[in-house]
Amino acid sequence: MTNVEVTDDRMVWAGVVTTLTSMPESGRQANLPLNDNRGLTLTTPCCQTGVMNPPERTAAQQDTIRRLKEVRTEALEHFRIAQDLARERRDLIRGLTEEGVSQAEIARELGVSRQAVQKMLAV
């Protein structure tokens, strides 16, 4: 554990000097040190700056994590496909409206409201 040095209203921890301003002097309890936080608001050594060893996983946990990654990849692909289809739908609707077909007529053909067609055009 890294040593924490507290002097007056300053704390030196992991080479970082901080000023203790979270509680006014009159509000501190006499039996508590100046800093009862113990550096928890600072970056924990090794979390952001070093190497952390991954925890041991059971075979079932490893399988679940592998499947989770597969599902995430599939979901991202389906999202991309949905975006492509929405773009194509918008272009088709624009083409029809440019040819003089009203949004209300398109809505009737699709079985949706005219407002839904407007939203499709906006996306």
N, C-alpha and C. Protein backbone atom coordinates (compact mmCIF):
# COMPACT_ATOMS: atom_id res chain seq x y z
N MET A 1 0.84 -1.18 0.00
CA MET A 1 0.00 0.00 0.00
C MET A 1 0.88 1.24 0.00
N THR A 2 0.50 2.23 -0.73
CA THR A 2 1.24 3.48 -0.81
C THR A 2 1.05 4.28 0.47
N ASN A 3 2.14 4.87 0.95
CA ASN A 3 2.03 5.69 2.16
C ASN A 3 1.34 6.99 1.84
N VAL A 4 0.48 7.40 2.77
CA VAL A 4 -0.22 8.68 2.64
C VAL A 4 0.31 9.58 3.73
N GLU A 5 0.79 10.75 3.35
CA GLU A 5 1.34 11.69 4.30
C GLU A 5 0.41 12.89 4.40
N VAL A 6 -0.08 13.18 5.61
CA VAL A 6 -0.99 14.30 5.80
C VAL A 6 -0.28 15.34 6.66
N THR A 7 -0.19 16.57 6.14
CA THR A 7 0.37 17.66 6.90
C THR A 7 -0.54 18.86 6.75
N ASP A 8 -0.93 19.45 7.84
CA ASP A 8 -1.86 20.58 7.84
C ASP A 8 -3.09 20.22 7.01
N ASP A 9 -3.38 21.02 5.98
CA ASP A 9 -4.52 20.74 5.11
C ASP A 9 -4.08 20.20 3.75
N ARG A 10 -2.89 19.62 3.71
CA ARG A 10 -2.41 19.05 2.45
C ARG A 10 -2.16 17.56 2.65
N MET A 11 -2.34 16.81 1.56
CA MET A 11 -2.09 15.39 1.60
C MET A 11 -1.20 15.04 0.40
N VAL A 12 -0.19 14.24 0.62
CA VAL A 12 0.66 13.76 -0.46
C VAL A 12 0.40 12.27 -0.58
N TRP A 13 -0.07 11.85 -1.73
CA TRP A 13 -0.38 10.44 -1.94
C TRP A 13 0.01 10.07 -3.35
N ALA A 14 0.82 9.06 -3.50
CA ALA A 14 1.29 8.61 -4.81
C ALA A 14 1.89 9.77 -5.60
N GLY A 15 2.60 10.65 -4.92
CA GLY A 15 3.25 11.76 -5.60
C GLY A 15 2.35 12.91 -5.96
N VAL A 16 1.08 12.88 -5.53
CA VAL A 16 0.13 13.94 -5.86
C VAL A 16 -0.19 14.70 -4.58
N VAL A 17 -0.09 16.01 -4.64
CA VAL A 17 -0.40 16.85 -3.49
C VAL A 17 -1.83 17.37 -3.66
N THR A 18 -2.66 17.16 -2.66
CA THR A 18 -4.03 17.67 -2.71
C THR A 18 -4.28 18.52 -1.47
N THR A 19 -5.20 19.44 -1.60
CA THR A 19 -5.60 20.28 -0.47
C THR A 19 -6.94 19.79 0.03
N LEU A 20 -7.05 19.65 1.33
CA LEU A 20 -8.28 19.15 1.93
C LEU A 20 -9.24 20.30 2.12
N THR A 21 -10.29 20.34 1.31
CA THR A 21 -11.26 21.43 1.40
C THR A 21 -12.67 20.91 1.53
N SER A 22 -12.84 19.62 1.72
CA SER A 22 -14.18 19.06 1.73
C SER A 22 -14.95 19.40 2.99
N MET A 23 -14.28 19.73 4.07
CA MET A 23 -14.98 20.01 5.32
C MET A 23 -14.26 21.14 6.04
N PRO A 24 -14.99 22.18 6.45
CA PRO A 24 -14.34 23.28 7.16
C PRO A 24 -13.77 22.78 8.49
N GLU A 25 -12.73 23.47 8.95
CA GLU A 25 -12.04 23.07 10.18
C GLU A 25 -13.02 22.90 11.34
N SER A 26 -14.00 23.79 11.46
CA SER A 26 -14.94 23.72 12.58
C SER A 26 -15.85 22.50 12.50
N GLY A 27 -16.00 21.92 11.30
CA GLY A 27 -16.88 20.77 11.14
C GLY A 27 -16.20 19.44 11.33
N ARG A 28 -14.88 19.44 11.44
CA ARG A 28 -14.16 18.18 11.60
C ARG A 28 -14.30 17.69 13.03
N GLN A 29 -14.46 16.38 13.16
CA GLN A 29 -14.51 15.81 14.51
C GLN A 29 -13.09 15.68 15.03
N ALA A 30 -12.91 15.88 16.29
CA ALA A 30 -11.58 15.92 16.89
C ALA A 30 -10.86 14.58 16.75
N ASN A 31 -11.57 13.47 16.77
CA ASN A 31 -10.90 12.18 16.75
C ASN A 31 -10.65 11.65 15.32
N LEU A 32 -11.07 12.38 14.27
CA LEU A 32 -10.83 11.95 12.90
C LEU A 32 -9.59 12.64 12.36
N PRO A 33 -8.83 11.95 11.52
CA PRO A 33 -7.70 12.61 10.89
C PRO A 33 -8.21 13.69 9.94
N LEU A 34 -7.30 14.57 9.49
CA LEU A 34 -7.70 15.63 8.58
C LEU A 34 -8.35 15.07 7.32
N ASN A 35 -7.90 13.93 6.86
CA ASN A 35 -8.46 13.34 5.66
C ASN A 35 -9.00 11.96 5.98
N ASP A 36 -10.32 11.84 6.10
CA ASP A 36 -10.91 10.54 6.36
C ASP A 36 -11.25 9.81 5.07
N ASN A 37 -10.88 10.39 3.94
CA ASN A 37 -11.13 9.80 2.63
C ASN A 37 -10.08 8.77 2.26
N ARG A 38 -8.91 8.89 2.78
CA ARG A 38 -7.78 8.00 2.52
C ARG A 38 -7.45 7.90 1.03
N GLY A 39 -7.65 8.97 0.29
CA GLY A 39 -7.26 9.00 -1.11
C GLY A 39 -8.21 8.29 -2.06
N LEU A 40 -9.42 8.01 -1.61
CA LEU A 40 -10.35 7.28 -2.46
C LEU A 40 -10.79 8.08 -3.68
N THR A 41 -10.68 9.40 -3.63
CA THR A 41 -11.07 10.20 -4.78
C THR A 41 -9.94 10.30 -5.80
N LEU A 42 -8.77 9.82 -5.46
CA LEU A 42 -7.66 9.81 -6.40
C LEU A 42 -7.69 8.52 -7.20
N THR A 43 -7.00 8.48 -8.31
CA THR A 43 -6.93 7.26 -9.10
C THR A 43 -6.18 6.20 -8.31
N THR A 44 -6.76 5.04 -8.21
CA THR A 44 -6.12 3.94 -7.51
C THR A 44 -4.93 3.47 -8.32
N PRO A 45 -3.77 3.32 -7.69
CA PRO A 45 -2.61 2.87 -8.44
C PRO A 45 -2.91 1.54 -9.15
N CYS A 46 -2.45 1.41 -10.35
CA CYS A 46 -2.57 0.22 -11.21
C CYS A 46 -3.91 0.13 -11.93
N CYS A 47 -4.95 0.80 -11.49
CA CYS A 47 -6.23 0.71 -12.19
C CYS A 47 -6.15 1.41 -13.53
N GLN A 48 -5.57 2.61 -13.56
CA GLN A 48 -5.52 3.37 -14.80
C GLN A 48 -4.10 3.44 -15.36
N THR A 49 -3.12 3.18 -14.53
CA THR A 49 -1.76 3.43 -14.96
C THR A 49 -0.92 2.17 -15.07
N GLY A 50 -1.39 1.05 -14.59
CA GLY A 50 -0.58 -0.15 -14.61
C GLY A 50 -1.36 -1.33 -15.13
N VAL A 51 -0.79 -2.49 -14.93
CA VAL A 51 -1.39 -3.73 -15.41
C VAL A 51 -2.13 -4.40 -14.27
N MET A 52 -3.37 -4.76 -14.54
CA MET A 52 -4.15 -5.50 -13.55
C MET A 52 -4.33 -6.91 -14.06
N ASN A 53 -4.18 -7.88 -13.20
CA ASN A 53 -4.40 -9.26 -13.59
C ASN A 53 -5.90 -9.53 -13.63
N PRO A 54 -6.39 -10.16 -14.71
CA PRO A 54 -7.81 -10.47 -14.75
C PRO A 54 -8.14 -11.51 -13.69
N PRO A 55 -9.37 -11.45 -13.16
CA PRO A 55 -9.75 -12.42 -12.14
C PRO A 55 -9.88 -13.81 -12.73
N GLU A 56 -9.71 -14.82 -11.91
CA GLU A 56 -9.92 -16.20 -12.35
C GLU A 56 -11.39 -16.39 -12.68
N ARG A 57 -11.68 -17.06 -13.78
CA ARG A 57 -13.05 -17.29 -14.21
C ARG A 57 -13.29 -18.79 -14.33
N THR A 58 -14.48 -19.20 -13.97
CA THR A 58 -14.86 -20.59 -14.16
C THR A 58 -15.12 -20.82 -15.64
N ALA A 59 -15.17 -22.07 -16.05
CA ALA A 59 -15.44 -22.39 -17.45
C ALA A 59 -16.81 -21.86 -17.87
N ALA A 60 -17.79 -21.96 -16.97
CA ALA A 60 -19.14 -21.46 -17.29
C ALA A 60 -19.12 -19.95 -17.47
N GLN A 61 -18.38 -19.24 -16.63
CA GLN A 61 -18.28 -17.79 -16.77
C GLN A 61 -17.58 -17.41 -18.07
N GLN A 62 -16.53 -18.14 -18.42
CA GLN A 62 -15.83 -17.87 -19.68
C GLN A 62 -16.74 -18.08 -20.87
N ASP A 63 -17.55 -19.15 -20.84
CA ASP A 63 -18.51 -19.41 -21.92
C ASP A 63 -19.55 -18.29 -22.01
N THR A 64 -20.02 -17.83 -20.85
CA THR A 64 -21.02 -16.77 -20.82
C THR A 64 -20.45 -15.47 -21.38
N ILE A 65 -19.23 -15.15 -21.01
CA ILE A 65 -18.59 -13.93 -21.52
C ILE A 65 -18.35 -14.05 -23.03
N ARG A 66 -17.93 -15.22 -23.50
CA ARG A 66 -17.75 -15.42 -24.93
C ARG A 66 -19.07 -15.21 -25.67
N ARG A 67 -20.16 -15.78 -25.15
CA ARG A 67 -21.48 -15.63 -25.77
C ARG A 67 -21.94 -14.18 -25.73
N LEU A 68 -21.66 -13.50 -24.61
CA LEU A 68 -22.01 -12.09 -24.48
C LEU A 68 -21.33 -11.27 -25.57
N LYS A 69 -20.07 -11.55 -25.85
CA LYS A 69 -19.35 -10.84 -26.90
C LYS A 69 -19.94 -11.15 -28.27
N GLU A 70 -20.34 -12.41 -28.50
CA GLU A 70 -20.96 -12.77 -29.78
C GLU A 70 -22.29 -12.03 -29.96
N VAL A 71 -23.09 -11.98 -28.90
CA VAL A 71 -24.39 -11.31 -28.97
C VAL A 71 -24.20 -9.82 -29.23
N ARG A 72 -23.22 -9.22 -28.58
CA ARG A 72 -22.94 -7.80 -28.78
C ARG A 72 -22.55 -7.55 -30.23
N THR A 73 -21.70 -8.39 -30.79
CA THR A 73 -21.28 -8.24 -32.19
C THR A 73 -22.47 -8.36 -33.12
N GLU A 74 -23.34 -9.34 -32.87
CA GLU A 74 -24.55 -9.51 -33.69
C GLU A 74 -25.47 -8.29 -33.59
N ALA A 75 -25.65 -7.79 -32.37
CA ALA A 75 -26.53 -6.64 -32.18
C ALA A 75 -26.00 -5.42 -32.93
N LEU A 76 -24.69 -5.22 -32.90
CA LEU A 76 -24.11 -4.09 -33.64
C LEU A 76 -24.32 -4.26 -35.14
N GLU A 77 -24.19 -5.47 -35.63
CA GLU A 77 -24.41 -5.72 -37.05
C GLU A 77 -25.87 -5.47 -37.43
N HIS A 78 -26.80 -5.94 -36.59
CA HIS A 78 -28.23 -5.72 -36.87
C HIS A 78 -28.57 -4.23 -36.82
N PHE A 79 -27.94 -3.50 -35.91
CA PHE A 79 -28.15 -2.06 -35.84
C PHE A 79 -27.70 -1.39 -37.13
N ARG A 80 -26.53 -1.82 -37.63
CA ARG A 80 -26.02 -1.25 -38.88
C ARG A 80 -26.97 -1.56 -40.04
N ILE A 81 -27.48 -2.79 -40.08
CA ILE A 81 -28.42 -3.17 -41.14
C ILE A 81 -29.70 -2.34 -41.03
N ALA A 82 -30.20 -2.15 -39.80
CA ALA A 82 -31.42 -1.35 -39.60
C ALA A 82 -31.21 0.09 -40.08
N GLN A 83 -30.03 0.65 -39.83
CA GLN A 83 -29.74 2.00 -40.31
C GLN A 83 -29.74 2.05 -41.83
N ASP A 84 -29.15 1.04 -42.47
CA ASP A 84 -29.12 0.99 -43.93
C ASP A 84 -30.53 0.90 -44.50
N LEU A 85 -31.37 0.06 -43.88
CA LEU A 85 -32.75 -0.09 -44.35
C LEU A 85 -33.55 1.19 -44.15
N ALA A 86 -33.34 1.88 -43.04
CA ALA A 86 -34.05 3.14 -42.80
C ALA A 86 -33.66 4.18 -43.84
N ARG A 87 -32.37 4.20 -44.20
CA ARG A 87 -31.91 5.12 -45.25
C ARG A 87 -32.57 4.79 -46.58
N GLU A 88 -32.63 3.50 -46.93
CA GLU A 88 -33.27 3.10 -48.19
C GLU A 88 -34.76 3.44 -48.18
N ARG A 89 -35.42 3.20 -47.05
CA ARG A 89 -36.86 3.52 -46.94
C ARG A 89 -37.07 5.01 -47.15
N ARG A 90 -36.24 5.83 -46.51
CA ARG A 90 -36.35 7.28 -46.66
C ARG A 90 -36.18 7.70 -48.12
N ASP A 91 -35.19 7.11 -48.80
CA ASP A 91 -34.95 7.45 -50.20
C ASP A 91 -36.12 7.04 -51.08
N LEU A 92 -36.72 5.88 -50.79
CA LEU A 92 -37.88 5.43 -51.58
C LEU A 92 -39.08 6.36 -51.38
N ILE A 93 -39.31 6.76 -50.11
CA ILE A 93 -40.42 7.67 -49.83
C ILE A 93 -40.19 9.01 -50.51
N ARG A 94 -38.95 9.53 -50.43
CA ARG A 94 -38.64 10.80 -51.10
C ARG A 94 -38.89 10.71 -52.60
N GLY A 95 -38.49 9.57 -53.18
CA GLY A 95 -38.71 9.38 -54.61
C GLY A 95 -40.19 9.43 -54.96
N LEU A 96 -41.01 8.78 -54.15
CA LEU A 96 -42.46 8.79 -54.41
C LEU A 96 -43.05 10.19 -54.26
N THR A 97 -42.61 10.91 -53.21
CA THR A 97 -43.16 12.26 -53.00
C THR A 97 -42.72 13.20 -54.12
N GLU A 98 -41.51 13.02 -54.65
CA GLU A 98 -41.04 13.84 -55.77
C GLU A 98 -41.85 13.56 -57.03
N GLU A 99 -42.42 12.35 -57.12
CA GLU A 99 -43.25 11.99 -58.27
C GLU A 99 -44.70 12.41 -58.07
N GLY A 100 -44.99 13.05 -56.93
CA GLY A 100 -46.33 13.58 -56.70
C GLY A 100 -47.21 12.73 -55.81
N VAL A 101 -46.70 11.63 -55.25
CA VAL A 101 -47.50 10.81 -54.34
C VAL A 101 -47.47 11.50 -52.97
N SER A 102 -48.63 11.68 -52.36
CA SER A 102 -48.71 12.39 -51.08
C SER A 102 -48.26 11.49 -49.93
N GLN A 103 -47.84 12.13 -48.85
CA GLN A 103 -47.45 11.38 -47.66
C GLN A 103 -48.64 10.59 -47.11
N ALA A 104 -49.84 11.13 -47.24
CA ALA A 104 -51.04 10.44 -46.76
C ALA A 104 -51.27 9.16 -47.56
N GLU A 105 -51.04 9.22 -48.88
CA GLU A 105 -51.20 8.02 -49.71
C GLU A 105 -50.16 6.96 -49.34
N ILE A 106 -48.95 7.38 -49.13
CA ILE A 106 -47.88 6.46 -48.73
C ILE A 106 -48.22 5.83 -47.38
N ALA A 107 -48.71 6.65 -46.48
CA ALA A 107 -49.09 6.16 -45.15
C ALA A 107 -50.18 5.10 -45.26
N ARG A 108 -51.18 5.34 -46.10
CA ARG A 108 -52.26 4.34 -46.28
C ARG A 108 -51.70 3.03 -46.81
N GLU A 109 -50.79 3.11 -47.77
CA GLU A 109 -50.19 1.90 -48.35
C GLU A 109 -49.36 1.13 -47.32
N LEU A 110 -48.69 1.85 -46.45
CA LEU A 110 -47.85 1.20 -45.42
C LEU A 110 -48.64 0.80 -44.19
N GLY A 111 -49.85 1.35 -44.05
CA GLY A 111 -50.65 1.05 -42.86
C GLY A 111 -50.18 1.79 -41.62
N VAL A 112 -49.65 3.00 -41.85
CA VAL A 112 -49.18 3.83 -40.74
C VAL A 112 -49.79 5.22 -40.87
N SER A 113 -49.56 6.05 -39.91
CA SER A 113 -50.09 7.41 -39.97
C SER A 113 -49.20 8.29 -40.85
N ARG A 114 -49.74 9.41 -41.27
CA ARG A 114 -48.97 10.37 -42.05
C ARG A 114 -47.78 10.90 -41.24
N GLN A 115 -48.02 11.07 -39.93
CA GLN A 115 -46.94 11.54 -39.06
C GLN A 115 -45.79 10.53 -39.01
N ALA A 116 -46.14 9.23 -39.08
CA ALA A 116 -45.09 8.21 -39.09
C ALA A 116 -44.25 8.31 -40.36
N VAL A 117 -44.90 8.62 -41.47
CA VAL A 117 -44.17 8.81 -42.73
C VAL A 117 -43.26 10.03 -42.62
N GLN A 118 -43.75 11.10 -41.99
CA GLN A 118 -42.91 12.29 -41.79
C GLN A 118 -41.67 11.94 -40.97
N LYS A 119 -41.85 11.14 -39.93
CA LYS A 119 -40.71 10.73 -39.11
C LYS A 119 -39.72 9.88 -39.91
N MET A 120 -40.27 9.00 -40.77
CA MET A 120 -39.39 8.18 -41.61
C MET A 120 -38.54 9.05 -42.53
N LEU A 121 -39.11 10.14 -43.00
CA LEU A 121 -38.38 11.06 -43.86
C LEU A 121 -37.32 11.83 -43.09
N ALA A 122 -37.58 12.05 -41.82
CA ALA A 122 -36.66 12.86 -41.01
C ALA A 122 -35.43 12.06 -40.56
N VAL A 123 -35.55 10.76 -40.56
CA VAL A 123 -34.44 9.92 -40.05
C VAL A 123 -33.40 9.70 -41.09
